[in-house]
């Protein structure tokens, strides 16, 4: 089982603001350096934690969230506010503010979420 995914970023606050708009997100903790500057933000998505950590911009190839039909309106609203990079039958891909590739997927069922492509 995956416990958490750590993503390095030069601006944890900016990235956290973005990730907290993703449907199903919940801020768990913030950590600060002794100087008071934000060091990391922990955000929960179901049973997985995403830890946005101060440092070099490094992330996985793509971080893909699970689509749930009951969150259709939330995902539609979120994706309309963010540029869609591409899509497949199962997944819609978009970027976070640090240009990390993210997505929302309904695999193995086809993703029936209709959006206008930019």
PDB file of N, CA and C in Angstrom:
ATOM      1  N   UNK A   1       0.834  -1.189   0.000  1.00  0.00           N
ATOM      2  CA  UNK A   1       0.000   0.000   0.000  1.00  0.00           C
ATOM      3  C   UNK A   1       0.876   1.250   0.000  1.00  0.00           C
ATOM      4  N   UNK A   2       0.412   2.276  -0.641  1.00  0.00           N
ATOM      5  CA  UNK A   2       1.126   3.555  -0.666  1.00  0.00           C
ATOM      6  C   UNK A   2       0.704   4.355   0.557  1.00  0.00           C
ATOM      7  N   UNK A   3       1.687   4.868   1.296  1.00  0.00           N
ATOM      8  CA  UNK A   3       1.401   5.711   2.450  1.00  0.00           C
ATOM      9  C   UNK A   3       1.264   7.168   2.030  1.00  0.00           C
ATOM     10  N   UNK A   4       2.277   7.680   1.297  1.00  0.00           N
ATOM     11  CA  UNK A   4       2.188   9.066   0.845  1.00  0.00           C
ATOM     12  C   UNK A   4       3.016   9.278  -0.415  1.00  0.00           C
ATOM     13  N   UNK A   5       2.749  10.387  -1.059  1.00  0.00           N
ATOM     14  CA  UNK A   5       3.504  10.823  -2.222  1.00  0.00           C
ATOM     15  C   UNK A   5       4.039  12.201  -1.884  1.00  0.00           C
ATOM     16  N   UNK A   6       5.359  12.371  -1.978  1.00  0.00           N
ATOM     17  CA  UNK A   6       5.991  13.652  -1.677  1.00  0.00           C
ATOM     18  C   UNK A   6       6.312  14.369  -2.989  1.00  0.00           C
ATOM     19  N   UNK A   7       5.960  15.641  -3.041  1.00  0.00           N
ATOM     20  CA  UNK A   7       6.229  16.466  -4.216  1.00  0.00           C
ATOM     21  C   UNK A   7       7.024  17.684  -3.762  1.00  0.00           C
ATOM     22  N   UNK A   8       8.208  17.859  -4.334  1.00  0.00           N
ATOM     23  CA  UNK A   8       9.026  19.026  -4.031  1.00  0.00           C
ATOM     24  C   UNK A   8       8.528  20.236  -4.806  1.00  0.00           C
ATOM     25  N   UNK A   9       8.583  21.390  -4.162  1.00  0.00           N
ATOM     26  CA  UNK A   9       8.121  22.626  -4.791  1.00  0.00           C
ATOM     27  C   UNK A   9       8.815  23.827  -4.165  1.00  0.00           C
ATOM     28  N   UNK A  10       9.135  24.840  -4.958  1.00  0.00           N
ATOM     29  CA  UNK A  10       9.703  26.057  -4.380  1.00  0.00           C
ATOM     30  C   UNK A  10       8.657  26.898  -3.641  1.00  0.00           C
ATOM     31  N   UNK A  11       7.371  26.553  -3.783  1.00  0.00           N
ATOM     32  CA  UNK A  11       6.309  27.342  -3.154  1.00  0.00           C
ATOM     33  C   UNK A  11       5.199  26.432  -2.632  1.00  0.00           C
ATOM     34  N   UNK A  12       5.383  25.795  -1.458  1.00  0.00           N
ATOM     35  CA  UNK A  12       4.363  24.890  -0.927  1.00  0.00           C
ATOM     36  C   UNK A  12       2.995  25.542  -0.735  1.00  0.00           C
ATOM     37  N   UNK A  13       2.955  26.808  -0.380  1.00  0.00           N
ATOM     38  CA  UNK A  13       1.680  27.490  -0.143  1.00  0.00           C
ATOM     39  C   UNK A  13       0.873  27.614  -1.431  1.00  0.00           C
ATOM     40  N   UNK A  14       1.510  28.054  -2.496  1.00  0.00           N
ATOM     41  CA  UNK A  14       0.828  28.200  -3.785  1.00  0.00           C
ATOM     42  C   UNK A  14       0.328  26.850  -4.282  1.00  0.00           C
ATOM     43  N   UNK A  15       1.179  25.835  -4.186  1.00  0.00           N
ATOM     44  CA  UNK A  15       0.791  24.514  -4.655  1.00  0.00           C
ATOM     45  C   UNK A  15      -0.335  23.937  -3.802  1.00  0.00           C
ATOM     46  N   UNK A  16      -0.285  24.162  -2.488  1.00  0.00           N
ATOM     47  CA  UNK A  16      -1.344  23.676  -1.593  1.00  0.00           C
ATOM     48  C   UNK A  16      -2.678  24.326  -1.937  1.00  0.00           C
ATOM     49  N   UNK A  17      -2.675  25.625  -2.239  1.00  0.00           N
ATOM     50  CA  UNK A  17      -3.916  26.307  -2.619  1.00  0.00           C
ATOM     51  C   UNK A  17      -4.558  25.609  -3.814  1.00  0.00           C
ATOM     52  N   UNK A  18      -3.730  25.206  -4.786  1.00  0.00           N
ATOM     53  CA  UNK A  18      -4.236  24.509  -5.965  1.00  0.00           C
ATOM     54  C   UNK A  18      -4.775  23.126  -5.602  1.00  0.00           C
ATOM     55  N   UNK A  19      -3.973  22.323  -4.903  1.00  0.00           N
ATOM     56  CA  UNK A  19      -4.367  20.953  -4.580  1.00  0.00           C
ATOM     57  C   UNK A  19      -5.611  20.902  -3.692  1.00  0.00           C
ATOM     58  N   UNK A  20      -5.810  21.912  -2.864  1.00  0.00           N
ATOM     59  CA  UNK A  20      -6.982  21.925  -1.986  1.00  0.00           C
ATOM     60  C   UNK A  20      -8.278  22.238  -2.737  1.00  0.00           C
ATOM     61  N   UNK A  21      -8.173  22.612  -3.998  1.00  0.00           N
ATOM     62  CA  UNK A  21      -9.360  22.808  -4.831  1.00  0.00           C
ATOM     63  C   UNK A  21      -9.772  21.513  -5.537  1.00  0.00           C
ATOM     64  N   UNK A  22      -8.906  20.504  -5.519  1.00  0.00           N
ATOM     65  CA  UNK A  22      -9.210  19.233  -6.164  1.00  0.00           C
ATOM     66  C   UNK A  22     -10.284  18.522  -5.346  1.00  0.00           C
ATOM     67  N   UNK A  23     -11.345  18.059  -6.003  1.00  0.00           N
ATOM     68  CA  UNK A  23     -12.408  17.373  -5.263  1.00  0.00           C
ATOM     69  C   UNK A  23     -11.879  16.223  -4.402  1.00  0.00           C
ATOM     70  N   UNK A  24     -12.352  16.173  -3.166  1.00  0.00           N
ATOM     71  CA  UNK A  24     -11.959  15.119  -2.237  1.00  0.00           C
ATOM     72  C   UNK A  24     -10.738  15.436  -1.394  1.00  0.00           C
ATOM     73  N   UNK A  25     -10.149  16.621  -1.585  1.00  0.00           N
ATOM     74  CA  UNK A  25      -8.938  16.981  -0.836  1.00  0.00           C
ATOM     75  C   UNK A  25      -9.278  17.492   0.564  1.00  0.00           C
ATOM     76  N   UNK A  26      -8.336  17.265   1.486  1.00  0.00           N
ATOM     77  CA  UNK A  26      -8.507  17.741   2.859  1.00  0.00           C
ATOM     78  C   UNK A  26      -7.129  18.021   3.448  1.00  0.00           C
ATOM     79  N   UNK A  27      -6.919  19.268   3.908  1.00  0.00           N
ATOM     80  CA  UNK A  27      -5.634  19.600   4.521  1.00  0.00           C
ATOM     81  C   UNK A  27      -5.542  18.943   5.884  1.00  0.00           C
ATOM     82  N   UNK A  28      -4.421  18.227   6.118  1.00  0.00           N
ATOM     83  CA  UNK A  28      -4.213  17.502   7.359  1.00  0.00           C
ATOM     84  C   UNK A  28      -3.280  18.255   8.299  1.00  0.00           C
ATOM     85  N   UNK A  29      -2.123  18.690   7.777  1.00  0.00           N
ATOM     86  CA  UNK A  29      -1.126  19.364   8.615  1.00  0.00           C
ATOM     87  C   UNK A  29      -0.310  20.340   7.803  1.00  0.00           C
ATOM     88  N   UNK A  30       0.264  21.302   8.512  1.00  0.00           N
ATOM     89  CA  UNK A  30       1.277  22.199   7.965  1.00  0.00           C
ATOM     90  C   UNK A  30       2.477  22.137   8.888  1.00  0.00           C
ATOM     91  N   UNK A  31       3.671  22.218   8.308  1.00  0.00           N
ATOM     92  CA  UNK A  31       4.891  22.275   9.096  1.00  0.00           C
ATOM     93  C   UNK A  31       5.667  23.506   8.674  1.00  0.00           C
ATOM     94  N   UNK A  32       6.291  24.175   9.655  1.00  0.00           N
ATOM     95  CA  UNK A  32       7.046  25.394   9.404  1.00  0.00           C
ATOM     96  C   UNK A  32       8.481  25.246   9.910  1.00  0.00           C
ATOM     97  N   UNK A  33       9.377  25.954   9.252  1.00  0.00           N
ATOM     98  CA  UNK A  33      10.749  26.058   9.752  1.00  0.00           C
ATOM     99  C   UNK A  33      10.719  26.912  11.016  1.00  0.00           C
ATOM    100  N   UNK A  34      11.807  26.895  11.781  1.00  0.00           N
ATOM    101  CA  UNK A  34      11.883  27.726  12.993  1.00  0.00           C
ATOM    102  C   UNK A  34      11.667  29.194  12.673  1.00  0.00           C
ATOM    103  N   UNK A  35      12.019  29.602  11.459  1.00  0.00           N
ATOM    104  CA  UNK A  35      11.840  30.995  11.035  1.00  0.00           C
ATOM    105  C   UNK A  35      10.369  31.348  10.801  1.00  0.00           C
ATOM    106  N   UNK A  36       9.504  30.323  10.763  1.00  0.00           N
ATOM    107  CA  UNK A  36       8.084  30.551  10.514  1.00  0.00           C
ATOM    108  C   UNK A  36       7.682  30.311   9.065  1.00  0.00           C
ATOM    109  N   UNK A  37       8.657  30.162   8.181  1.00  0.00           N
ATOM    110  CA  UNK A  37       8.369  29.910   6.763  1.00  0.00           C
ATOM    111  C   UNK A  37       7.791  28.505   6.604  1.00  0.00           C
ATOM    112  N   UNK A  38       6.799  28.394   5.740  1.00  0.00           N
ATOM    113  CA  UNK A  38       6.140  27.121   5.494  1.00  0.00           C
ATOM    114  C   UNK A  38       7.118  26.110   4.895  1.00  0.00           C
ATOM    115  N   UNK A  39       7.211  24.941   5.509  1.00  0.00           N
ATOM    116  CA  UNK A  39       8.107  23.866   5.051  1.00  0.00           C
ATOM    117  C   UNK A  39       7.351  22.812   4.258  1.00  0.00           C
ATOM    118  N   UNK A  40       6.150  22.430   4.726  1.00  0.00           N
ATOM    119  CA  UNK A  40       5.375  21.421   3.996  1.00  0.00           C
ATOM    120  C   UNK A  40       3.897  21.489   4.369  1.00  0.00           C
ATOM    121  N   UNK A  41       3.084  20.991   3.463  1.00  0.00           N
ATOM    122  CA  UNK A  41       1.644  20.884   3.673  1.00  0.00           C
ATOM    123  C   UNK A  41       1.254  19.456   3.320  1.00  0.00           C
ATOM    124  N   UNK A  42       0.511  18.820   4.227  1.00  0.00           N
ATOM    125  CA  UNK A  42       0.035  17.460   3.999  1.00  0.00           C
ATOM    126  C   UNK A  42      -1.439  17.533   3.642  1.00  0.00           C
ATOM    127  N   UNK A  43      -1.778  16.929   2.508  1.00  0.00           N
ATOM    128  CA  UNK A  43      -3.156  16.930   2.020  1.00  0.00           C
ATOM    129  C   UNK A  43      -3.593  15.484   1.809  1.00  0.00           C
ATOM    130  N   UNK A  44      -4.765  15.170   2.330  1.00  0.00           N
ATOM    131  CA  UNK A  44      -5.271  13.803   2.227  1.00  0.00           C
ATOM    132  C   UNK A  44      -6.260  13.683   1.076  1.00  0.00           C
ATOM    133  N   UNK A  45      -6.111  12.590   0.318  1.00  0.00           N
ATOM    134  CA  UNK A  45      -7.025  12.199  -0.747  1.00  0.00           C
ATOM    135  C   UNK A  45      -7.405  10.753  -0.463  1.00  0.00           C
ATOM    136  N   UNK A  46      -8.528  10.542   0.202  1.00  0.00           N
ATOM    137  CA  UNK A  46      -8.905   9.184   0.596  1.00  0.00           C
ATOM    138  C   UNK A  46      -7.887   8.636   1.575  1.00  0.00           C
ATOM    139  N   UNK A  47      -7.281   7.510   1.238  1.00  0.00           N
ATOM    140  CA  UNK A  47      -6.295   6.900   2.134  1.00  0.00           C
ATOM    141  C   UNK A  47      -4.862   7.311   1.808  1.00  0.00           C
ATOM    142  N   UNK A  48      -4.661   8.169   0.822  1.00  0.00           N
ATOM    143  CA  UNK A  48      -3.325   8.574   0.396  1.00  0.00           C
ATOM    144  C   UNK A  48      -3.041  10.015   0.820  1.00  0.00           C
ATOM    145  N   UNK A  49      -1.834  10.242   1.324  1.00  0.00           N
ATOM    146  CA  UNK A  49      -1.382  11.591   1.648  1.00  0.00           C
ATOM    147  C   UNK A  49      -0.473  12.109   0.534  1.00  0.00           C
ATOM    148  N   UNK A  50      -0.673  13.360   0.159  1.00  0.00           N
ATOM    149  CA  UNK A  50       0.234  14.058  -0.734  1.00  0.00           C
ATOM    150  C   UNK A  50       0.931  15.097   0.120  1.00  0.00           C
ATOM    151  N   UNK A  51       2.257  15.016   0.161  1.00  0.00           N
ATOM    152  CA  UNK A  51       3.045  15.935   0.972  1.00  0.00           C
ATOM    153  C   UNK A  51       3.766  16.905   0.044  1.00  0.00           C
ATOM    154  N   UNK A  52       3.364  18.155   0.096  1.00  0.00           N
ATOM    155  CA  UNK A  52       3.979  19.206  -0.708  1.00  0.00           C
ATOM    156  C   UNK A  52       5.098  19.804   0.126  1.00  0.00           C
ATOM    157  N   UNK A  53       6.349  19.585  -0.316  1.00  0.00           N
ATOM    158  CA  UNK A  53       7.508  19.911   0.505  1.00  0.00           C
ATOM    159  C   UNK A  53       8.398  20.960  -0.146  1.00  0.00           C
ATOM    160  N   UNK A  54       8.831  21.927   0.651  1.00  0.00           N
ATOM    161  CA  UNK A  54       9.733  22.968   0.191  1.00  0.00           C
ATOM    162  C   UNK A  54      10.999  22.335  -0.370  1.00  0.00           C
ATOM    163  N   UNK A  55      11.378  22.755  -1.554  1.00  0.00           N
ATOM    164  CA  UNK A  55      12.595  22.233  -2.159  1.00  0.00           C
ATOM    165  C   UNK A  55      12.520  22.253  -3.668  1.00  0.00           C
ATOM    166  N   UNK A  56      13.390  21.464  -4.273  1.00  0.00           N
ATOM    167  CA  UNK A  56      13.470  21.377  -5.718  1.00  0.00           C
ATOM    168  C   UNK A  56      12.169  20.811  -6.289  1.00  0.00           C
ATOM    169  N   UNK A  57      11.753  21.336  -7.448  1.00  0.00           N
ATOM    170  CA  UNK A  57      10.524  20.906  -8.096  1.00  0.00           C
ATOM    171  C   UNK A  57      10.712  19.497  -8.656  1.00  0.00           C
ATOM    172  N   UNK A  58      10.246  18.500  -7.909  1.00  0.00           N
ATOM    173  CA  UNK A  58      10.314  17.112  -8.347  1.00  0.00           C
ATOM    174  C   UNK A  58       8.976  16.446  -8.057  1.00  0.00           C
ATOM    175  N   UNK A  59       8.508  15.670  -9.014  1.00  0.00           N
ATOM    176  CA  UNK A  59       7.256  14.950  -8.809  1.00  0.00           C
ATOM    177  C   UNK A  59       7.286  13.645  -9.592  1.00  0.00           C
ATOM    178  N   UNK A  60       6.294  12.795  -9.356  1.00  0.00           N
ATOM    179  CA  UNK A  60       6.167  11.592 -10.170  1.00  0.00           C
ATOM    180  C   UNK A  60       5.835  11.962 -11.624  1.00  0.00           C
ATOM    181  N   UNK A  61       5.879  11.017 -12.535  1.00  0.00           N
ATOM    182  CA  UNK A  61       5.535  11.267 -13.940  1.00  0.00           C
ATOM    183  C   UNK A  61       4.135  11.860 -14.046  1.00  0.00           C
ATOM    184  N   UNK A  62       3.200  11.282 -13.328  1.00  0.00           N
ATOM    185  CA  UNK A  62       1.835  11.800 -13.280  1.00  0.00           C
ATOM    186  C   UNK A  62       1.181  11.305 -12.002  1.00  0.00           C
ATOM    187  N   UNK A  63       0.420  12.168 -11.391  1.00  0.00           N
ATOM    188  CA  UNK A  63      -0.350  11.824 -10.201  1.00  0.00           C
ATOM    189  C   UNK A  63      -1.815  11.831 -10.646  1.00  0.00           C
ATOM    190  N   UNK A  64      -2.451  10.670 -10.619  1.00  0.00           N
ATOM    191  CA  UNK A  64      -3.788  10.542 -11.189  1.00  0.00           C
ATOM    192  C   UNK A  64      -4.790  10.180 -10.093  1.00  0.00           C
ATOM    193  N   UNK A  65      -5.845  10.978 -10.019  1.00  0.00           N
ATOM    194  CA  UNK A  65      -6.894  10.803  -9.016  1.00  0.00           C
ATOM    195  C   UNK A  65      -8.011   9.930  -9.566  1.00  0.00           C
ATOM    196  N   UNK A  66      -8.711   9.277  -8.671  1.00  0.00           N
ATOM    197  CA  UNK A  66      -9.823   8.405  -9.031  1.00  0.00           C
ATOM    198  C   UNK A  66     -11.103   9.224  -9.174  1.00  0.00           C
ATOM    199  N   UNK A  67     -11.768   9.072 -10.303  1.00  0.00           N
ATOM    200  CA  UNK A  67     -13.025   9.770 -10.553  1.00  0.00           C
ATOM    201  C   UNK A  67     -14.184   8.998  -9.924  1.00  0.00           C
ATOM    202  N   UNK A  68     -15.025   9.712  -9.209  1.00  0.00           N
ATOM    203  CA  UNK A  68     -16.240   9.148  -8.638  1.00  0.00           C
ATOM    204  C   UNK A  68     -17.423   9.918  -9.224  1.00  0.00           C
ATOM    205  N   UNK A  69     -18.389   9.212  -9.763  1.00  0.00           N
ATOM    206  CA  UNK A  69     -19.547   9.845 -10.412  1.00  0.00           C
ATOM    207  C   UNK A  69     -20.242  10.850  -9.496  1.00  0.00           C
ATOM    208  N   UNK A  70     -20.278  10.566  -8.181  1.00  0.00           N
ATOM    209  CA  UNK A  70     -20.963  11.478  -7.263  1.00  0.00           C
ATOM    210  C   UNK A  70     -20.255  12.833  -7.152  1.00  0.00           C
ATOM    211  N   UNK A  71     -19.032  12.934  -7.657  1.00  0.00           N
ATOM    212  CA  UNK A  71     -18.301  14.205  -7.645  1.00  0.00           C
ATOM    213  C   UNK A  71     -18.240  14.853  -9.032  1.00  0.00           C
ATOM    214  N   UNK A  72     -19.118  14.425  -9.927  1.00  0.00           N
ATOM    215  CA  UNK A  72     -19.113  14.935 -11.303  1.00  0.00           C
ATOM    216  C   UNK A  72     -19.113  16.464 -11.366  1.00  0.00           C
ATOM    217  N   UNK A  73     -20.022  17.114 -10.644  1.00  0.00           N
ATOM    218  CA  UNK A  73     -20.113  18.581 -10.734  1.00  0.00           C
ATOM    219  C   UNK A  73     -18.856  19.247 -10.181  1.00  0.00           C
ATOM    220  N   UNK A  74     -18.259  18.684  -9.140  1.00  0.00           N
ATOM    221  CA  UNK A  74     -17.023  19.250  -8.586  1.00  0.00           C
ATOM    222  C   UNK A  74     -15.875  19.127  -9.579  1.00  0.00           C
ATOM    223  N   UNK A  75     -15.745  17.950 -10.205  1.00  0.00           N
ATOM    224  CA  UNK A  75     -14.676  17.763 -11.191  1.00  0.00           C
ATOM    225  C   UNK A  75     -14.912  18.635 -12.421  1.00  0.00           C
ATOM    226  N   UNK A  76     -16.154  18.741 -12.856  1.00  0.00           N
ATOM    227  CA  UNK A  76     -16.458  19.585 -14.014  1.00  0.00           C
ATOM    228  C   UNK A  76     -16.049  21.024 -13.729  1.00  0.00           C
ATOM    229  N   UNK A  77     -16.430  21.537 -12.562  1.00  0.00           N
ATOM    230  CA  UNK A  77     -16.082  22.901 -12.182  1.00  0.00           C
ATOM    231  C   UNK A  77     -14.569  23.071 -12.077  1.00  0.00           C
ATOM    232  N   UNK A  78     -13.909  22.144 -11.415  1.00  0.00           N
ATOM    233  CA  UNK A  78     -12.458  22.221 -11.246  1.00  0.00           C
ATOM    234  C   UNK A  78     -11.749  22.229 -12.599  1.00  0.00           C
ATOM    235  N   UNK A  79     -12.113  21.326 -13.479  1.00  0.00           N
ATOM    236  CA  UNK A  79     -11.432  21.216 -14.776  1.00  0.00           C
ATOM    237  C   UNK A  79     -11.737  22.395 -15.689  1.00  0.00           C
ATOM    238  N   UNK A  80     -12.898  23.001 -15.544  1.00  0.00           N
ATOM    239  CA  UNK A  80     -13.210  24.199 -16.341  1.00  0.00           C
ATOM    240  C   UNK A  80     -12.341  25.377 -15.907  1.00  0.00           C
ATOM    241  N   UNK A  81     -11.862  25.348 -14.667  1.00  0.00           N
ATOM    242  CA  UNK A  81     -11.025  26.432 -14.149  1.00  0.00           C
ATOM    243  C   UNK A  81      -9.538  26.185 -14.402  1.00  0.00           C
ATOM    244  N   UNK A  82      -9.204  25.016 -14.930  1.00  0.00           N
ATOM    245  CA  UNK A  82      -7.811  24.650 -15.174  1.00  0.00           C
ATOM    246  C   UNK A  82      -7.688  24.093 -16.587  1.00  0.00           C
ATOM    247  N   UNK A  83      -6.590  24.422 -17.245  1.00  0.00           N
ATOM    248  CA  UNK A  83      -6.412  24.002 -18.625  1.00  0.00           C
ATOM    249  C   UNK A  83      -6.204  22.492 -18.722  1.00  0.00           C
ATOM    250  N   UNK A  84      -7.027  21.859 -19.548  1.00  0.00           N
ATOM    251  CA  UNK A  84      -6.889  20.425 -19.806  1.00  0.00           C
ATOM    252  C   UNK A  84      -5.775  20.242 -20.828  1.00  0.00           C
ATOM    253  N   UNK A  85      -4.794  19.410 -20.475  1.00  0.00           N
ATOM    254  CA  UNK A  85      -3.658  19.144 -21.362  1.00  0.00           C
ATOM    255  C   UNK A  85      -4.018  18.141 -22.447  1.00  0.00           C
ATOM    256  N   UNK A  86      -4.676  17.065 -22.037  1.00  0.00           N
ATOM    257  CA  UNK A  86      -5.062  16.014 -22.981  1.00  0.00           C
ATOM    258  C   UNK A  86      -6.062  15.097 -22.295  1.00  0.00           C
ATOM    259  N   UNK A  87      -6.570  14.140 -23.076  1.00  0.00           N
ATOM    260  CA  UNK A  87      -7.469  13.165 -22.486  1.00  0.00           C
ATOM    261  C   UNK A  87      -7.401  11.870 -23.282  1.00  0.00           C
ATOM    262  N   UNK A  88      -7.743  10.789 -22.593  1.00  0.00           N
ATOM    263  CA  UNK A  88      -7.886   9.482 -23.220  1.00  0.00           C
ATOM    264  C   UNK A  88      -9.322   9.032 -22.948  1.00  0.00           C
ATOM    265  N   UNK A  89      -9.641   7.815 -23.286  1.00  0.00           N
ATOM    266  CA  UNK A  89     -10.987   7.298 -22.996  1.00  0.00           C
ATOM    267  C   UNK A  89     -11.259   7.252 -21.490  1.00  0.00           C
ATOM    268  N   UNK A  90     -10.199   7.132 -20.693  1.00  0.00           N
ATOM    269  CA  UNK A  90     -10.338   6.910 -19.255  1.00  0.00           C
ATOM    270  C   UNK A  90      -9.853   8.058 -18.374  1.00  0.00           C
ATOM    271  N   UNK A  91      -9.029   8.942 -18.917  1.00  0.00           N
ATOM    272  CA  UNK A  91      -8.346   9.934 -18.083  1.00  0.00           C
ATOM    273  C   UNK A  91      -8.323  11.305 -18.741  1.00  0.00           C
ATOM    274  N   UNK A  92      -8.490  12.351 -17.906  1.00  0.00           N
ATOM    275  CA  UNK A  92      -8.297  13.741 -18.323  1.00  0.00           C
ATOM    276  C   UNK A  92      -7.067  14.245 -17.580  1.00  0.00           C
ATOM    277  N   UNK A  93      -6.113  14.825 -18.325  1.00  0.00           N
ATOM    278  CA  UNK A  93      -4.853  15.305 -17.740  1.00  0.00           C
ATOM    279  C   UNK A  93      -4.826  16.830 -17.678  1.00  0.00           C
ATOM    280  N   UNK A  94      -4.226  17.356 -16.597  1.00  0.00           N
ATOM    281  CA  UNK A  94      -4.081  18.794 -16.392  1.00  0.00           C
ATOM    282  C   UNK A  94      -2.790  19.034 -15.625  1.00  0.00           C
ATOM    283  N   UNK A  95      -2.378  20.303 -15.501  1.00  0.00           N
ATOM    284  CA  UNK A  95      -1.132  20.657 -14.814  1.00  0.00           C
ATOM    285  C   UNK A  95      -1.420  21.428 -13.540  1.00  0.00           C
ATOM    286  N   UNK A  96      -0.537  21.252 -12.544  1.00  0.00           N
ATOM    287  CA  UNK A  96      -0.615  22.108 -11.355  1.00  0.00           C
ATOM    288  C   UNK A  96       0.234  23.352 -11.622  1.00  0.00           C
ATOM    289  N   UNK A  97       0.282  24.323 -10.708  1.00  0.00           N
ATOM    290  CA  UNK A  97       1.041  25.556 -10.950  1.00  0.00           C
ATOM    291  C   UNK A  97       2.539  25.352 -11.177  1.00  0.00           C
ATOM    292  N   UNK A  98       3.110  24.236 -10.713  1.00  0.00           N
ATOM    293  CA  UNK A  98       4.524  23.936 -10.956  1.00  0.00           C
ATOM    294  C   UNK A  98       4.725  23.129 -12.236  1.00  0.00           C
ATOM    295  N   UNK A  99       3.667  22.951 -13.013  1.00  0.00           N
ATOM    296  CA  UNK A  99       3.682  22.206 -14.278  1.00  0.00           C
ATOM    297  C   UNK A  99       3.854  20.702 -14.098  1.00  0.00           C
ATOM    298  N   UNK A 100       3.476  20.164 -12.919  1.00  0.00           N
ATOM    299  CA  UNK A 100       3.444  18.726 -12.715  1.00  0.00           C
ATOM    300  C   UNK A 100       2.189  18.178 -13.379  1.00  0.00           C
ATOM    301  N   UNK A 101       2.308  17.023 -14.026  1.00  0.00           N
ATOM    302  CA  UNK A 101       1.172  16.418 -14.707  1.00  0.00           C
ATOM    303  C   UNK A 101       0.283  15.684 -13.709  1.00  0.00           C
ATOM    304  N   UNK A 102      -1.014  16.026 -13.742  1.00  0.00           N
ATOM    305  CA  UNK A 102      -2.026  15.397 -12.900  1.00  0.00           C
ATOM    306  C   UNK A 102      -3.133  14.874 -13.801  1.00  0.00           C
ATOM    307  N   UNK A 103      -3.984  14.052 -13.236  1.00  0.00           N
ATOM    308  CA  UNK A 103      -5.102  13.556 -14.016  1.00  0.00           C
ATOM    309  C   UNK A 103      -6.224  13.065 -13.130  1.00  0.00           C
ATOM    310  N   UNK A 104      -7.359  12.807 -13.757  1.00  0.00           N
ATOM    311  CA  UNK A 104      -8.493  12.178 -13.091  1.00  0.00           C
ATOM    312  C   UNK A 104      -8.926  11.040 -14.005  1.00  0.00           C
ATOM    313  N   UNK A 105      -9.075   9.837 -13.433  1.00  0.00           N
ATOM    314  CA  UNK A 105      -9.316   8.648 -14.226  1.00  0.00           C
ATOM    315  C   UNK A 105     -10.468   7.822 -13.685  1.00  0.00           C
ATOM    316  N   UNK A 106     -11.172   7.179 -14.603  1.00  0.00           N
ATOM    317  CA  UNK A 106     -12.278   6.302 -14.226  1.00  0.00           C
ATOM    318  C   UNK A 106     -12.003   4.855 -14.641  1.00  0.00           C
ATOM    319  N   UNK A 107     -10.767   4.543 -15.014  1.00  0.00           N
ATOM    320  CA  UNK A 107     -10.439   3.189 -15.461  1.00  0.00           C
ATOM    321  C   UNK A 107     -10.854   2.159 -14.420  1.00  0.00           C
ATOM    322  N   UNK A 108     -11.479   1.066 -14.792  1.00  0.00           N
ATOM    323  CA  UNK A 108     -11.629   0.499 -16.136  1.00  0.00           C
ATOM    324  C   UNK A 108     -12.891   0.951 -16.881  1.00  0.00           C
ATOM    325  N   UNK A 109     -13.717   1.780 -16.272  1.00  0.00           N
ATOM    326  CA  UNK A 109     -14.901   2.311 -16.963  1.00  0.00           C
ATOM    327  C   UNK A 109     -14.500   3.540 -17.763  1.00  0.00           C
ATOM    328  N   UNK A 110     -15.108   3.735 -18.932  1.00  0.00           N
ATOM    329  CA  UNK A 110     -14.811   4.927 -19.730  1.00  0.00           C
ATOM    330  C   UNK A 110     -15.255   6.170 -18.977  1.00  0.00           C
ATOM    331  N   UNK A 111     -14.459   7.227 -19.080  1.00  0.00           N
ATOM    332  CA  UNK A 111     -14.756   8.493 -18.405  1.00  0.00           C
ATOM    333  C   UNK A 111     -15.774   9.267 -19.225  1.00  0.00           C
ATOM    334  N   UNK A 112     -16.966   9.384 -18.703  1.00  0.00           N
ATOM    335  CA  UNK A 112     -18.078  10.041 -19.392  1.00  0.00           C
ATOM    336  C   UNK A 112     -18.218  11.502 -18.972  1.00  0.00           C
ATOM    337  N   UNK A 113     -17.122  12.134 -18.624  1.00  0.00           N
ATOM    338  CA  UNK A 113     -17.138  13.535 -18.205  1.00  0.00           C
ATOM    339  C   UNK A 113     -16.848  14.397 -19.424  1.00  0.00           C
ATOM    340  N   UNK A 114     -17.825  15.193 -19.838  1.00  0.00           N
ATOM    341  CA  UNK A 114     -17.689  16.005 -21.041  1.00  0.00           C
ATOM    342  C   UNK A 114     -17.226  17.412 -20.685  1.00  0.00           C
ATOM    343  N   UNK A 115     -16.126  17.825 -21.298  1.00  0.00           N
ATOM    344  CA  UNK A 115     -15.596  19.168 -21.106  1.00  0.00           C
ATOM    345  C   UNK A 115     -15.179  19.704 -22.462  1.00  0.00           C
ATOM    346  N   UNK A 116     -15.217  21.023 -22.600  1.00  0.00           N
ATOM    347  CA  UNK A 116     -14.687  21.624 -23.812  1.00  0.00           C
ATOM    348  C   UNK A 116     -13.180  21.639 -23.697  1.00  0.00           C
ATOM    349  N   UNK A 117     -12.490  21.135 -24.719  1.00  0.00           N
ATOM    350  CA  UNK A 117     -11.034  21.133 -24.710  1.00  0.00           C
ATOM    351  C   UNK A 117     -10.545  22.518 -25.099  1.00  0.00           C
ATOM    352  N   UNK A 118      -9.497  22.986 -24.412  1.00  0.00           N
ATOM    353  CA  UNK A 118      -8.914  24.295 -24.711  1.00  0.00           C
ATOM    354  C   UNK A 118      -8.022  24.194 -25.933  1.00  0.00           C
TER     355      UNK A 118
END
